[in-house]
Amino acid sequence: MWAIRRQRAGTDRRDRLAAIQASACKGRAHLRVDRVASAWLIRRFIDPQCRFVWLRDVGKCPRKAIGFDFDGAEFSHVGARVSFEVLATSFGLDNDPGIAGIAGIGALVHYLDVGGVPVPEEDGFATILAGARAQTRDDDERPARAAECAA
């Protein structure tokens, strides 16, 4: 399981990363754009060894794990931001000069999830996600399939 300990205000990025690595993450089953992108972000930049548990009933999220992209989850929509943007900001990835493009991906995920300002890549990325959903019913495989198709 990928458990993330609750973050204390004022901790820096290194502390937040150390607190979650080698843990387990919970998200709702039936992946859509924000959950797929958030799972990719977690695995790629936050914890490459994470194990995802896709919940059919978010009320049964184990206490030792942390949820994302559902009401009441530690990392979910906040104000106008979608879960991907919240995760990127929480771990300082949106302003990290060594990681180009996270803010642009966030804008794309935001538009496809809740609307707003259209982005040029929207149609292509929506097609990639539809293809990943069609290729497998396994929620664990979908983020990897989408990343493979986008590469």
C-alpha atoms as a PDB file:
ATOM      1  CA  MET A   1       0.000   0.000   0.000  1.00  0.00           C
ATOM      2  CA  TRP A   2       1.069   3.529  -0.664  1.00  0.00           C
ATOM      3  CA  ALA A   3       0.336   5.487   2.483  1.00  0.00           C
ATOM      4  CA  ILE A   4       1.058   9.173   2.624  1.00  0.00           C
ATOM      5  CA  ARG A   5       1.362  10.653   6.049  1.00  0.00           C
ATOM      6  CA  ARG A   6      -0.511  13.900   6.479  1.00  0.00           C
ATOM      7  CA  GLN A   7       1.684  16.858   5.662  1.00  0.00           C
ATOM      8  CA  ARG A   8       2.478  19.473   8.251  1.00  0.00           C
ATOM      9  CA  ALA A   9       2.235  23.053   7.133  1.00  0.00           C
ATOM     10  CA  GLY A  10       5.598  24.548   6.346  1.00  0.00           C
ATOM     11  CA  THR A  11       7.415  21.349   5.368  1.00  0.00           C
ATOM     12  CA  ASP A  12       9.605  21.646   2.324  1.00  0.00           C
ATOM     13  CA  ARG A  13       9.430  19.501  -0.821  1.00  0.00           C
ATOM     14  CA  ARG A  14      12.140  17.077   0.356  1.00  0.00           C
ATOM     15  CA  ASP A  15      10.204  16.410   3.580  1.00  0.00           C
ATOM     16  CA  ARG A  16       6.957  15.843   1.678  1.00  0.00           C
ATOM     17  CA  LEU A  17       8.631  13.469  -0.771  1.00  0.00           C
ATOM     18  CA  ALA A  18      10.335  11.494   2.004  1.00  0.00           C
ATOM     19  CA  ALA A  19       7.034  11.191   3.876  1.00  0.00           C
ATOM     20  CA  ILE A  20       5.259   9.447   1.014  1.00  0.00           C
ATOM     21  CA  GLN A  21       7.816   7.285  -0.750  1.00  0.00           C
ATOM     22  CA  ALA A  22       7.402   3.523  -0.446  1.00  0.00           C
ATOM     23  CA  SER A  23       3.726   3.912   0.471  1.00  0.00           C
ATOM     24  CA  ALA A  24       0.291   3.274  -1.281  1.00  0.00           C
ATOM     25  CA  CYS A  25      -2.193   5.575  -2.984  1.00  0.00           C
ATOM     26  CA  LYS A  26      -5.954   5.276  -3.287  1.00  0.00           C
ATOM     27  CA  GLY A  27      -8.081   6.629  -6.087  1.00  0.00           C
ATOM     28  CA  ARG A  28     -11.551   5.949  -7.403  1.00  0.00           C
ATOM     29  CA  ALA A  29     -11.945   3.118  -9.886  1.00  0.00           C
ATOM     30  CA  HIS A  30     -12.842   3.801 -13.538  1.00  0.00           C
ATOM     31  CA  LEU A  31     -10.011   6.139 -14.397  1.00  0.00           C
ATOM     32  CA  ARG A  32     -10.687   9.356 -16.223  1.00  0.00           C
ATOM     33  CA  VAL A  33      -8.332  12.157 -17.221  1.00  0.00           C
ATOM     34  CA  ASP A  34      -7.542  13.646 -13.790  1.00  0.00           C
ATOM     35  CA  ARG A  35      -6.973  10.256 -12.122  1.00  0.00           C
ATOM     36  CA  VAL A  36      -4.855   8.950 -15.032  1.00  0.00           C
ATOM     37  CA  ALA A  37      -2.733  12.111 -15.113  1.00  0.00           C
ATOM     38  CA  SER A  38      -2.426  12.216 -11.316  1.00  0.00           C
ATOM     39  CA  ALA A  39      -1.349   8.566 -11.182  1.00  0.00           C
ATOM     40  CA  TRP A  40       1.244   9.276 -13.891  1.00  0.00           C
ATOM     41  CA  LEU A  41       2.520  12.321 -11.961  1.00  0.00           C
ATOM     42  CA  ILE A  42       2.799  10.349  -8.716  1.00  0.00           C
ATOM     43  CA  ARG A  43       4.613   7.447 -10.346  1.00  0.00           C
ATOM     44  CA  ARG A  44       6.890   9.625 -12.516  1.00  0.00           C
ATOM     45  CA  PHE A  45       7.909  12.391 -10.084  1.00  0.00           C
ATOM     46  CA  ILE A  46       6.744  11.615  -6.546  1.00  0.00           C
ATOM     47  CA  ASP A  47       7.083   7.872  -5.901  1.00  0.00           C
ATOM     48  CA  PRO A  48       8.141   5.534  -8.742  1.00  0.00           C
ATOM     49  CA  GLN A  49       7.532   2.485  -6.514  1.00  0.00           C
ATOM     50  CA  CYS A  50       3.981   3.392  -5.497  1.00  0.00           C
ATOM     51  CA  ARG A  51       1.198   0.835  -5.559  1.00  0.00           C
ATOM     52  CA  PHE A  52      -2.230   2.113  -6.503  1.00  0.00           C
ATOM     53  CA  VAL A  53      -5.440   0.761  -5.035  1.00  0.00           C
ATOM     54  CA  TRP A  54      -8.483   1.692  -7.082  1.00  0.00           C
ATOM     55  CA  LEU A  55     -11.546   1.954  -4.853  1.00  0.00           C
ATOM     56  CA  ARG A  56     -15.074   1.196  -5.940  1.00  0.00           C
ATOM     57  CA  ASP A  57     -16.297   2.612  -2.618  1.00  0.00           C
ATOM     58  CA  VAL A  58     -14.238   5.612  -1.485  1.00  0.00           C
ATOM     59  CA  GLY A  59     -15.796   5.304   1.957  1.00  0.00           C
ATOM     60  CA  LYS A  60     -13.659   2.192   2.434  1.00  0.00           C
ATOM     61  CA  CYS A  61     -10.328   3.981   1.957  1.00  0.00           C
ATOM     62  CA  PRO A  62      -7.968   2.492   4.587  1.00  0.00           C
ATOM     63  CA  ARG A  63      -6.777   4.955   7.221  1.00  0.00           C
ATOM     64  CA  LYS A  64      -3.093   4.266   6.512  1.00  0.00           C
ATOM     65  CA  ALA A  65      -3.432   5.274   2.888  1.00  0.00           C
ATOM     66  CA  ILE A  66      -4.165   8.567   1.274  1.00  0.00           C
ATOM     67  CA  GLY A  67      -6.753   9.170  -1.373  1.00  0.00           C
ATOM     68  CA  PHE A  68      -6.629  11.341  -4.438  1.00  0.00           C
ATOM     69  CA  ASP A  69      -9.245  12.693  -6.834  1.00  0.00           C
ATOM     70  CA  PHE A  70     -12.377  12.035  -4.817  1.00  0.00           C
ATOM     71  CA  ASP A  71     -14.389  14.134  -2.358  1.00  0.00           C
ATOM     72  CA  GLY A  72     -12.670  14.152   1.021  1.00  0.00           C
ATOM     73  CA  ALA A  73      -9.336  12.888  -0.340  1.00  0.00           C
ATOM     74  CA  GLU A  74      -6.083  14.491   0.777  1.00  0.00           C
ATOM     75  CA  PHE A  75      -5.293  15.449  -2.812  1.00  0.00           C
ATOM     76  CA  SER A  76      -8.403  16.412  -4.740  1.00  0.00           C
ATOM     77  CA  HIS A  77      -9.911  19.476  -6.367  1.00  0.00           C
ATOM     78  CA  VAL A  78      -9.215  22.642  -4.398  1.00  0.00           C
ATOM     79  CA  GLY A  79     -10.917  25.814  -5.545  1.00  0.00           C
ATOM     80  CA  ALA A  80     -10.498  25.963  -9.311  1.00  0.00           C
ATOM     81  CA  ARG A  81      -7.613  23.451  -9.366  1.00  0.00           C
ATOM     82  CA  VAL A  82      -8.056  19.805 -10.361  1.00  0.00           C
ATOM     83  CA  SER A  83      -6.255  17.004  -8.493  1.00  0.00           C
ATOM     84  CA  PHE A  84      -3.287  16.955 -10.913  1.00  0.00           C
ATOM     85  CA  GLU A  85      -2.681  20.675 -10.319  1.00  0.00           C
ATOM     86  CA  VAL A  86      -3.046  20.246  -6.547  1.00  0.00           C
ATOM     87  CA  LEU A  87      -0.497  17.410  -6.508  1.00  0.00           C
ATOM     88  CA  ALA A  88       1.949  19.329  -8.728  1.00  0.00           C
ATOM     89  CA  THR A  89       1.717  22.410  -6.508  1.00  0.00           C
ATOM     90  CA  SER A  90       1.864  20.430  -3.244  1.00  0.00           C
ATOM     91  CA  PHE A  91       5.154  18.831  -4.262  1.00  0.00           C
ATOM     92  CA  GLY A  92       6.639  21.904  -5.931  1.00  0.00           C
ATOM     93  CA  LEU A  93       6.589  20.298  -9.365  1.00  0.00           C
ATOM     94  CA  ASP A  94       4.694  23.093 -11.098  1.00  0.00           C
ATOM     95  CA  ASN A  95       7.579  25.543 -10.597  1.00  0.00           C
ATOM     96  CA  ASP A  96      10.503  23.129 -10.765  1.00  0.00           C
ATOM     97  CA  PRO A  97      12.857  24.382 -13.499  1.00  0.00           C
ATOM     98  CA  GLY A  98      14.152  20.841 -14.015  1.00  0.00           C
ATOM     99  CA  ILE A  99      10.701  19.586 -15.010  1.00  0.00           C
ATOM    100  CA  ALA A 100       9.505  21.416 -18.072  1.00  0.00           C
ATOM    101  CA  GLY A 101       5.885  21.247 -19.089  1.00  0.00           C
ATOM    102  CA  ILE A 102       4.076  20.274 -15.859  1.00  0.00           C
ATOM    103  CA  ALA A 103       2.054  23.500 -15.854  1.00  0.00           C
ATOM    104  CA  GLY A 104       1.080  22.894 -19.491  1.00  0.00           C
ATOM    105  CA  ILE A 105       0.004  19.339 -18.724  1.00  0.00           C
ATOM    106  CA  GLY A 106      -1.951  20.736 -15.782  1.00  0.00           C
ATOM    107  CA  ALA A 107      -3.775  23.164 -18.089  1.00  0.00           C
ATOM    108  CA  LEU A 108      -4.597  20.287 -20.450  1.00  0.00           C
ATOM    109  CA  VAL A 109      -5.868  18.039 -17.642  1.00  0.00           C
ATOM    110  CA  HIS A 110      -7.843  20.932 -16.184  1.00  0.00           C
ATOM    111  CA  TYR A 111      -9.579  21.663 -19.489  1.00  0.00           C
ATOM    112  CA  LEU A 112     -10.437  18.014 -20.188  1.00  0.00           C
ATOM    113  CA  ASP A 113     -11.662  17.433 -16.614  1.00  0.00           C
ATOM    114  CA  VAL A 114     -13.669  20.555 -15.825  1.00  0.00           C
ATOM    115  CA  GLY A 115     -13.507  22.823 -18.870  1.00  0.00           C
ATOM    116  CA  GLY A 116     -12.135  26.341 -19.008  1.00  0.00           C
ATOM    117  CA  VAL A 117      -9.504  27.650 -21.394  1.00  0.00           C
ATOM    118  CA  PRO A 118      -9.078  25.286 -24.371  1.00  0.00           C
ATOM    119  CA  VAL A 119      -5.580  24.026 -25.173  1.00  0.00           C
ATOM    120  CA  PRO A 120      -4.325  22.943 -28.610  1.00  0.00           C
ATOM    121  CA  GLU A 121      -3.463  19.395 -27.497  1.00  0.00           C
ATOM    122  CA  GLU A 122      -6.929  18.596 -26.133  1.00  0.00           C
ATOM    123  CA  ASP A 123      -8.241  16.486 -29.013  1.00  0.00           C
ATOM    124  CA  GLY A 124      -5.087  14.407 -29.357  1.00  0.00           C
ATOM    125  CA  PHE A 125      -4.802  13.724 -25.644  1.00  0.00           C
ATOM    126  CA  ALA A 126      -8.505  12.889 -25.309  1.00  0.00           C
ATOM    127  CA  THR A 127      -8.042  10.375 -28.150  1.00  0.00           C
ATOM    128  CA  ILE A 128      -5.005   8.834 -26.405  1.00  0.00           C
ATOM    129  CA  LEU A 129      -6.990   8.413 -23.175  1.00  0.00           C
ATOM    130  CA  ALA A 130      -9.942   6.888 -25.021  1.00  0.00           C
ATOM    131  CA  GLY A 131      -7.534   4.451 -26.682  1.00  0.00           C
ATOM    132  CA  ALA A 132      -5.947   3.520 -23.347  1.00  0.00           C
ATOM    133  CA  ARG A 133      -9.420   2.881 -21.859  1.00  0.00           C
ATOM    134  CA  ALA A 134     -10.347   0.743 -24.871  1.00  0.00           C
ATOM    135  CA  GLN A 135      -7.114  -1.303 -24.709  1.00  0.00           C
ATOM    136  CA  THR A 136      -7.543  -2.454 -21.124  1.00  0.00           C
ATOM    137  CA  ARG A 137     -10.126  -2.611 -18.384  1.00  0.00           C
ATOM    138  CA  ASP A 138      -7.351  -2.792 -15.783  1.00  0.00           C
ATOM    139  CA  ASP A 139      -7.112   0.576 -14.014  1.00  0.00           C
ATOM    140  CA  ASP A 140      -3.513  -0.223 -13.000  1.00  0.00           C
ATOM    141  CA  GLU A 141      -2.472  -0.431 -16.649  1.00  0.00           C
ATOM    142  CA  ARG A 142      -4.255   2.680 -17.928  1.00  0.00           C
ATOM    143  CA  PRO A 143      -1.756   5.369 -16.830  1.00  0.00           C
ATOM    144  CA  ALA A 144       1.116   3.400 -18.358  1.00  0.00           C
ATOM    145  CA  ARG A 145      -0.838   2.762 -21.582  1.00  0.00           C
ATOM    146  CA  ALA A 146      -1.675   6.445 -21.923  1.00  0.00           C
ATOM    147  CA  ALA A 147       1.976   7.402 -21.349  1.00  0.00           C
ATOM    148  CA  GLU A 148       3.136   4.863 -23.951  1.00  0.00           C
ATOM    149  CA  CYS A 149       0.681   6.201 -26.521  1.00  0.00           C
ATOM    150  CA  ALA A 150       1.682   9.810 -25.833  1.00  0.00           C
ATOM    151  CA  ALA A 151       5.429   9.134 -26.106  1.00  0.00           C
END
